[in-house]
ModelCIF file with pLDDT and N, C-alpha, C, O atoms, coordinates in Angstrom:
data_MODEL
#
_entry.id   MODEL 
#
_entity.id                         1 
_entity.type                       polymer 
_entity.pdbx_number_of_molecules   1 
#
_entity_poly.entity_id                      1 
_entity_poly.type                           'polypeptide(L)' 
_entity_poly.nstd_linkage                   no 
_entity_poly.nstd_monomer                   no 
_entity_poly.pdbx_seq_one_letter_code       RLASGRQNISPGDRTGSVAVAYGMKAELASLK 
_entity_poly.pdbx_seq_one_letter_code_can   RLASGRQNISPGDRTGSVAVAYGMKAELASLK 
_entity_poly.pdbx_strand_id                 A 
#
loop_
_entity_poly_seq.entity_id 
_entity_poly_seq.num 
_entity_poly_seq.mon_id 
_entity_poly_seq.hetero 
1 1  ARG n 
1 2  LEU n 
1 3  ALA n 
1 4  SER n 
1 5  GLY n 
1 6  ARG n 
1 7  GLN n 
1 8  ASN n 
1 9  ILE n 
1 10 SER n 
1 11 PRO n 
1 12 GLY n 
1 13 ASP n 
1 14 ARG n 
1 15 THR n 
1 16 GLY n 
1 17 SER n 
1 18 VAL n 
1 19 ALA n 
1 20 VAL n 
1 21 ALA n 
1 22 TYR n 
1 23 GLY n 
1 24 MET n 
1 25 LYS n 
1 26 ALA n 
1 27 GLU n 
1 28 LEU n 
1 29 ALA n 
1 30 SER n 
1 31 LEU n 
1 32 LYS n 
#
_struct_asym.id          A 
_struct_asym.entity_id   1 
#
loop_
_ma_qa_metric.id 
_ma_qa_metric.mode 
_ma_qa_metric.name 
_ma_qa_metric.software_group_id 
_ma_qa_metric.type 
1 global pLDDT . pLDDT 
2 local  pLDDT . pLDDT 
#
_ma_qa_metric_global.metric_id      1 
_ma_qa_metric_global.metric_value   71.12 
_ma_qa_metric_global.model_id       1 
_ma_qa_metric_global.ordinal_id     1 
#
loop_
_ma_qa_metric_local.label_asym_id 
_ma_qa_metric_local.label_comp_id 
_ma_qa_metric_local.label_seq_id 
_ma_qa_metric_local.metric_id 
_ma_qa_metric_local.metric_value 
_ma_qa_metric_local.model_id 
_ma_qa_metric_local.ordinal_id 
A ARG 1  2 65.00 1 1  
A LEU 2  2 65.00 1 2  
A ALA 3  2 65.00 1 3  
A SER 4  2 61.00 1 4  
A GLY 5  2 61.00 1 5  
A ARG 6  2 65.00 1 6  
A GLN 7  2 63.00 1 7  
A ASN 8  2 69.00 1 8  
A ILE 9  2 68.00 1 9  
A SER 10 2 63.00 1 10 
A PRO 11 2 61.00 1 11 
A GLY 12 2 62.00 1 12 
A ASP 13 2 61.00 1 13 
A ARG 14 2 63.00 1 14 
A THR 15 2 65.00 1 15 
A GLY 16 2 66.00 1 16 
A SER 17 2 69.00 1 17 
A VAL 18 2 70.00 1 18 
A ALA 19 2 72.00 1 19 
A VAL 20 2 72.00 1 20 
A ALA 21 2 73.00 1 21 
A TYR 22 2 74.00 1 22 
A GLY 23 2 75.00 1 23 
A MET 24 2 77.00 1 24 
A LYS 25 2 80.00 1 25 
A ALA 26 2 82.00 1 26 
A GLU 27 2 82.00 1 27 
A LEU 28 2 83.00 1 28 
A ALA 29 2 85.00 1 29 
A SER 30 2 85.00 1 30 
A LEU 31 2 86.00 1 31 
A LYS 32 2 88.00 1 32 
#
loop_
_atom_site.group_PDB 
_atom_site.id 
_atom_site.type_symbol 
_atom_site.label_atom_id 
_atom_site.label_alt_id 
_atom_site.label_comp_id 
_atom_site.label_asym_id 
_atom_site.label_entity_id 
_atom_site.label_seq_id 
_atom_site.pdbx_PDB_ins_code 
_atom_site.Cartn_x 
_atom_site.Cartn_y 
_atom_site.Cartn_z 
_atom_site.occupancy 
_atom_site.B_iso_or_equiv 
_atom_site.pdbx_formal_charge 
_atom_site.auth_seq_id 
_atom_site.auth_comp_id 
_atom_site.auth_asym_id 
_atom_site.auth_atom_id 
_atom_site.pdbx_PDB_model_num 
ATOM 1   N N  . ARG A 1 1  ? 2.423  -5.838  12.818  1.00 65.00 ? 1  ARG A N  1 
ATOM 2   C CA . ARG A 1 1  ? 3.017  -5.841  11.290  1.00 65.00 ? 1  ARG A CA 1 
ATOM 3   C C  . ARG A 1 1  ? 3.693  -6.712  10.555  1.00 65.00 ? 1  ARG A C  1 
ATOM 4   O O  . ARG A 1 1  ? 3.963  -6.859  9.363   1.00 65.00 ? 1  ARG A O  1 
ATOM 5   N N  . LEU A 1 2  ? 4.016  -7.558  12.126  1.00 65.00 ? 2  LEU A N  1 
ATOM 6   C CA . LEU A 1 2  ? 5.421  -8.702  11.649  1.00 65.00 ? 2  LEU A CA 1 
ATOM 7   C C  . LEU A 1 2  ? 4.366  -10.425 11.216  1.00 65.00 ? 2  LEU A C  1 
ATOM 8   O O  . LEU A 1 2  ? 4.700  -11.474 10.666  1.00 65.00 ? 2  LEU A O  1 
ATOM 9   N N  . ALA A 1 3  ? 2.836  -9.845  11.915  1.00 65.00 ? 3  ALA A N  1 
ATOM 10  C CA . ALA A 1 3  ? 2.040  -11.044 11.366  1.00 65.00 ? 3  ALA A CA 1 
ATOM 11  C C  . ALA A 1 3  ? 1.655  -11.099 10.794  1.00 65.00 ? 3  ALA A C  1 
ATOM 12  O O  . ALA A 1 3  ? 1.343  -12.246 10.472  1.00 65.00 ? 3  ALA A O  1 
ATOM 13  N N  . SER A 1 4  ? 1.189  -9.983  9.953   1.00 61.00 ? 4  SER A N  1 
ATOM 14  C CA . SER A 1 4  ? 0.341  -9.300  8.256   1.00 61.00 ? 4  SER A CA 1 
ATOM 15  C C  . SER A 1 4  ? 1.381  -9.466  7.587   1.00 61.00 ? 4  SER A C  1 
ATOM 16  O O  . SER A 1 4  ? 1.532  -10.410 6.812   1.00 61.00 ? 4  SER A O  1 
ATOM 17  N N  . GLY A 1 5  ? 2.211  -8.593  7.796   1.00 61.00 ? 5  GLY A N  1 
ATOM 18  C CA . GLY A 1 5  ? 3.375  -8.583  6.164   1.00 61.00 ? 5  GLY A CA 1 
ATOM 19  C C  . GLY A 1 5  ? 3.575  -7.231  6.093   1.00 61.00 ? 5  GLY A C  1 
ATOM 20  O O  . GLY A 1 5  ? 4.434  -6.697  5.391   1.00 61.00 ? 5  GLY A O  1 
ATOM 21  N N  . ARG A 1 6  ? 2.665  -6.571  6.929   1.00 65.00 ? 6  ARG A N  1 
ATOM 22  C CA . ARG A 1 6  ? 2.511  -5.292  5.797   1.00 65.00 ? 6  ARG A CA 1 
ATOM 23  C C  . ARG A 1 6  ? 2.477  -4.328  6.820   1.00 65.00 ? 6  ARG A C  1 
ATOM 24  O O  . ARG A 1 6  ? 1.809  -4.324  7.854   1.00 65.00 ? 6  ARG A O  1 
ATOM 25  N N  . GLN A 1 7  ? 3.592  -3.202  6.229   1.00 63.00 ? 7  GLN A N  1 
ATOM 26  C CA . GLN A 1 7  ? 3.728  -1.907  7.393   1.00 63.00 ? 7  GLN A CA 1 
ATOM 27  C C  . GLN A 1 7  ? 2.642  -0.537  7.813   1.00 63.00 ? 7  GLN A C  1 
ATOM 28  O O  . GLN A 1 7  ? 2.855  0.483   8.467   1.00 63.00 ? 7  GLN A O  1 
ATOM 29  N N  . ASN A 1 8  ? 1.069  -1.196  6.911   1.00 69.00 ? 8  ASN A N  1 
ATOM 30  C CA . ASN A 1 8  ? -0.037 -0.088  7.399   1.00 69.00 ? 8  ASN A CA 1 
ATOM 31  C C  . ASN A 1 8  ? -0.490 -1.195  8.058   1.00 69.00 ? 8  ASN A C  1 
ATOM 32  O O  . ASN A 1 8  ? -0.520 -2.342  7.612   1.00 69.00 ? 8  ASN A O  1 
ATOM 33  N N  . ILE A 1 9  ? -0.950 -0.703  9.460   1.00 68.00 ? 9  ILE A N  1 
ATOM 34  C CA . ILE A 1 9  ? -1.813 -1.580  9.714   1.00 68.00 ? 9  ILE A CA 1 
ATOM 35  C C  . ILE A 1 9  ? -2.958 -0.808  10.346  1.00 68.00 ? 9  ILE A C  1 
ATOM 36  O O  . ILE A 1 9  ? -3.761 -1.322  11.126  1.00 68.00 ? 9  ILE A O  1 
ATOM 37  N N  . SER A 1 10 ? -2.973 0.051   10.084  1.00 63.00 ? 10 SER A N  1 
ATOM 38  C CA . SER A 1 10 ? -3.946 1.102   10.652  1.00 63.00 ? 10 SER A CA 1 
ATOM 39  C C  . SER A 1 10 ? -4.658 2.075   9.734   1.00 63.00 ? 10 SER A C  1 
ATOM 40  O O  . SER A 1 10 ? -3.919 2.404   8.807   1.00 63.00 ? 10 SER A O  1 
ATOM 41  N N  . PRO A 1 11 ? -6.307 2.858   9.675   1.00 61.00 ? 11 PRO A N  1 
ATOM 42  C CA . PRO A 1 11 ? -6.363 3.699   8.868   1.00 61.00 ? 11 PRO A CA 1 
ATOM 43  C C  . PRO A 1 11 ? -5.425 4.634   8.819   1.00 61.00 ? 11 PRO A C  1 
ATOM 44  O O  . PRO A 1 11 ? -4.995 5.078   7.755   1.00 61.00 ? 11 PRO A O  1 
ATOM 45  N N  . GLY A 1 12 ? -4.898 5.138   10.353  1.00 62.00 ? 12 GLY A N  1 
ATOM 46  C CA . GLY A 1 12 ? -4.487 6.456   9.414   1.00 62.00 ? 12 GLY A CA 1 
ATOM 47  C C  . GLY A 1 12 ? -2.783 6.585   9.694   1.00 62.00 ? 12 GLY A C  1 
ATOM 48  O O  . GLY A 1 12 ? -2.111 7.530   10.108  1.00 62.00 ? 12 GLY A O  1 
ATOM 49  N N  . ASP A 1 13 ? -2.449 5.337   9.316   1.00 61.00 ? 13 ASP A N  1 
ATOM 50  C CA . ASP A 1 13 ? -0.107 4.752   9.488   1.00 61.00 ? 13 ASP A CA 1 
ATOM 51  C C  . ASP A 1 13 ? -0.319 4.895   7.955   1.00 61.00 ? 13 ASP A C  1 
ATOM 52  O O  . ASP A 1 13 ? -1.067 4.372   7.129   1.00 61.00 ? 13 ASP A O  1 
ATOM 53  N N  . ARG A 1 14 ? 0.988  6.140   7.928   1.00 63.00 ? 14 ARG A N  1 
ATOM 54  C CA . ARG A 1 14 ? 1.546  6.411   6.825   1.00 63.00 ? 14 ARG A CA 1 
ATOM 55  C C  . ARG A 1 14 ? 0.323  6.070   5.301   1.00 63.00 ? 14 ARG A C  1 
ATOM 56  O O  . ARG A 1 14 ? 0.563  5.181   4.485   1.00 63.00 ? 14 ARG A O  1 
ATOM 57  N N  . THR A 1 15 ? -0.642 6.778   5.237   1.00 65.00 ? 15 THR A N  1 
ATOM 58  C CA . THR A 1 15 ? -1.566 7.399   4.875   1.00 65.00 ? 15 THR A CA 1 
ATOM 59  C C  . THR A 1 15 ? -0.678 7.731   3.485   1.00 65.00 ? 15 THR A C  1 
ATOM 60  O O  . THR A 1 15 ? -0.669 7.157   2.396   1.00 65.00 ? 15 THR A O  1 
ATOM 61  N N  . GLY A 1 16 ? -0.150 8.562   3.839   1.00 66.00 ? 16 GLY A N  1 
ATOM 62  C CA . GLY A 1 16 ? 0.786  8.944   2.499   1.00 66.00 ? 16 GLY A CA 1 
ATOM 63  C C  . GLY A 1 16 ? 0.963  8.115   1.573   1.00 66.00 ? 16 GLY A C  1 
ATOM 64  O O  . GLY A 1 16 ? 0.417  8.036   0.473   1.00 66.00 ? 16 GLY A O  1 
ATOM 65  N N  . SER A 1 17 ? 2.068  7.239   2.242   1.00 69.00 ? 17 SER A N  1 
ATOM 66  C CA . SER A 1 17 ? 2.801  6.305   1.218   1.00 69.00 ? 17 SER A CA 1 
ATOM 67  C C  . SER A 1 17 ? 1.648  5.311   0.572   1.00 69.00 ? 17 SER A C  1 
ATOM 68  O O  . SER A 1 17 ? 1.468  4.935   -0.587  1.00 69.00 ? 17 SER A O  1 
ATOM 69  N N  . VAL A 1 18 ? 0.953  5.046   1.787   1.00 70.00 ? 18 VAL A N  1 
ATOM 70  C CA . VAL A 1 18 ? -0.073 4.028   1.475   1.00 70.00 ? 18 VAL A CA 1 
ATOM 71  C C  . VAL A 1 18 ? -0.931 4.469   -0.130  1.00 70.00 ? 18 VAL A C  1 
ATOM 72  O O  . VAL A 1 18 ? -1.071 3.664   -1.051  1.00 70.00 ? 18 VAL A O  1 
ATOM 73  N N  . ALA A 1 19 ? -1.520 6.207   -0.160  1.00 72.00 ? 19 ALA A N  1 
ATOM 74  C CA . ALA A 1 19 ? -2.249 6.175   -1.508  1.00 72.00 ? 19 ALA A CA 1 
ATOM 75  C C  . ALA A 1 19 ? -1.017 6.348   -2.337  1.00 72.00 ? 19 ALA A C  1 
ATOM 76  O O  . ALA A 1 19 ? -1.357 7.059   -3.283  1.00 72.00 ? 19 ALA A O  1 
ATOM 77  N N  . VAL A 1 20 ? 0.256  6.042   -2.442  1.00 72.00 ? 20 VAL A N  1 
ATOM 78  C CA . VAL A 1 20 ? 0.990  6.766   -3.440  1.00 72.00 ? 20 VAL A CA 1 
ATOM 79  C C  . VAL A 1 20 ? 1.360  5.028   -4.030  1.00 72.00 ? 20 VAL A C  1 
ATOM 80  O O  . VAL A 1 20 ? 1.908  4.860   -5.119  1.00 72.00 ? 20 VAL A O  1 
ATOM 81  N N  . ALA A 1 21 ? 1.021  4.020   -3.259  1.00 73.00 ? 21 ALA A N  1 
ATOM 82  C CA . ALA A 1 21 ? 2.156  2.367   -3.444  1.00 73.00 ? 21 ALA A CA 1 
ATOM 83  C C  . ALA A 1 21 ? 0.111  1.851   -4.066  1.00 73.00 ? 21 ALA A C  1 
ATOM 84  O O  . ALA A 1 21 ? 0.012  0.757   -4.621  1.00 73.00 ? 21 ALA A O  1 
ATOM 85  N N  . TYR A 1 22 ? -0.982 2.549   -3.920  1.00 74.00 ? 22 TYR A N  1 
ATOM 86  C CA . TYR A 1 22 ? -2.299 2.107   -4.256  1.00 74.00 ? 22 TYR A CA 1 
ATOM 87  C C  . TYR A 1 22 ? -1.678 2.307   -5.880  1.00 74.00 ? 22 TYR A C  1 
ATOM 88  O O  . TYR A 1 22 ? -1.448 1.488   -6.769  1.00 74.00 ? 22 TYR A O  1 
ATOM 89  N N  . GLY A 1 23 ? -1.507 4.032   -5.786  1.00 75.00 ? 23 GLY A N  1 
ATOM 90  C CA . GLY A 1 23 ? -2.009 4.044   -7.463  1.00 75.00 ? 23 GLY A CA 1 
ATOM 91  C C  . GLY A 1 23 ? -0.675 3.566   -8.316  1.00 75.00 ? 23 GLY A C  1 
ATOM 92  O O  . GLY A 1 23 ? -0.847 3.546   -9.535  1.00 75.00 ? 23 GLY A O  1 
ATOM 93  N N  . MET A 1 24 ? 0.809  3.127   -7.772  1.00 77.00 ? 24 MET A N  1 
ATOM 94  C CA . MET A 1 24 ? 1.042  2.006   -8.337  1.00 77.00 ? 24 MET A CA 1 
ATOM 95  C C  . MET A 1 24 ? 1.187  0.632   -8.364  1.00 77.00 ? 24 MET A C  1 
ATOM 96  O O  . MET A 1 24 ? 1.711  -0.163  -9.144  1.00 77.00 ? 24 MET A O  1 
ATOM 97  N N  . LYS A 1 25 ? 0.484  0.537   -7.130  1.00 80.00 ? 25 LYS A N  1 
ATOM 98  C CA . LYS A 1 25 ? -0.704 -0.899  -7.960  1.00 80.00 ? 25 LYS A CA 1 
ATOM 99  C C  . LYS A 1 25 ? -1.566 -1.716  -8.806  1.00 80.00 ? 25 LYS A C  1 
ATOM 100 O O  . LYS A 1 25 ? -1.634 -2.857  -9.265  1.00 80.00 ? 25 LYS A O  1 
ATOM 101 N N  . ALA A 1 26 ? -2.348 -0.331  -8.800  1.00 82.00 ? 26 ALA A N  1 
ATOM 102 C CA . ALA A 1 26 ? -3.045 -0.152  -10.723 1.00 82.00 ? 26 ALA A CA 1 
ATOM 103 C C  . ALA A 1 26 ? -2.518 0.049   -11.765 1.00 82.00 ? 26 ALA A C  1 
ATOM 104 O O  . ALA A 1 26 ? -3.034 -0.026  -12.880 1.00 82.00 ? 26 ALA A O  1 
ATOM 105 N N  . GLU A 1 27 ? -1.323 0.351   -11.462 1.00 82.00 ? 27 GLU A N  1 
ATOM 106 C CA . GLU A 1 27 ? -0.558 1.180   -12.752 1.00 82.00 ? 27 GLU A CA 1 
ATOM 107 C C  . GLU A 1 27 ? 0.072  -0.557  -12.857 1.00 82.00 ? 27 GLU A C  1 
ATOM 108 O O  . GLU A 1 27 ? -0.272 -1.321  -13.759 1.00 82.00 ? 27 GLU A O  1 
ATOM 109 N N  . LEU A 1 28 ? 1.021  -0.928  -11.757 1.00 83.00 ? 28 LEU A N  1 
ATOM 110 C CA . LEU A 1 28 ? 1.499  -2.565  -12.333 1.00 83.00 ? 28 LEU A CA 1 
ATOM 111 C C  . LEU A 1 28 ? 0.338  -3.387  -12.231 1.00 83.00 ? 28 LEU A C  1 
ATOM 112 O O  . LEU A 1 28 ? 1.001  -4.225  -11.619 1.00 83.00 ? 28 LEU A O  1 
ATOM 113 N N  . ALA A 1 29 ? -0.686 -3.858  -12.270 1.00 85.00 ? 29 ALA A N  1 
ATOM 114 C CA . ALA A 1 29 ? -2.043 -4.467  -12.890 1.00 85.00 ? 29 ALA A CA 1 
ATOM 115 C C  . ALA A 1 29 ? -1.936 -4.018  -14.462 1.00 85.00 ? 29 ALA A C  1 
ATOM 116 O O  . ALA A 1 29 ? -1.754 -4.834  -15.365 1.00 85.00 ? 29 ALA A O  1 
ATOM 117 N N  . SER A 1 30 ? -2.029 -3.063  -14.598 1.00 85.00 ? 30 SER A N  1 
ATOM 118 C CA . SER A 1 30 ? -2.313 -2.379  -15.541 1.00 85.00 ? 30 SER A CA 1 
ATOM 119 C C  . SER A 1 30 ? -1.400 -3.390  -16.730 1.00 85.00 ? 30 SER A C  1 
ATOM 120 O O  . SER A 1 30 ? -1.765 -4.182  -17.599 1.00 85.00 ? 30 SER A O  1 
ATOM 121 N N  . LEU A 1 31 ? 0.031  -2.870  -16.229 1.00 86.00 ? 31 LEU A N  1 
ATOM 122 C CA . LEU A 1 31 ? 1.063  -3.526  -16.944 1.00 86.00 ? 31 LEU A CA 1 
ATOM 123 C C  . LEU A 1 31 ? 1.628  -5.113  -16.951 1.00 86.00 ? 31 LEU A C  1 
ATOM 124 O O  . LEU A 1 31 ? 2.500  -5.446  -17.755 1.00 86.00 ? 31 LEU A O  1 
ATOM 125 N N  . LYS A 1 32 ? 1.105  -5.978  -16.069 1.00 88.00 ? 32 LYS A N  1 
ATOM 126 C CA . LYS A 1 32 ? 1.297  -7.416  -16.749 1.00 88.00 ? 32 LYS A CA 1 
ATOM 127 C C  . LYS A 1 32 ? -0.171 -7.633  -17.239 1.00 88.00 ? 32 LYS A C  1 
ATOM 128 O O  . LYS A 1 32 ? -0.475 -8.663  -17.841 1.00 88.00 ? 32 LYS A O  1 
#
């Protein structure tokens, strides 16, 4: 995690948070 700067380092790691975050990233890209 410290090397990558990411909380989620495996496919099963905090999947709920990842799904929400990617949804918001898509909206953020649209806002930009």
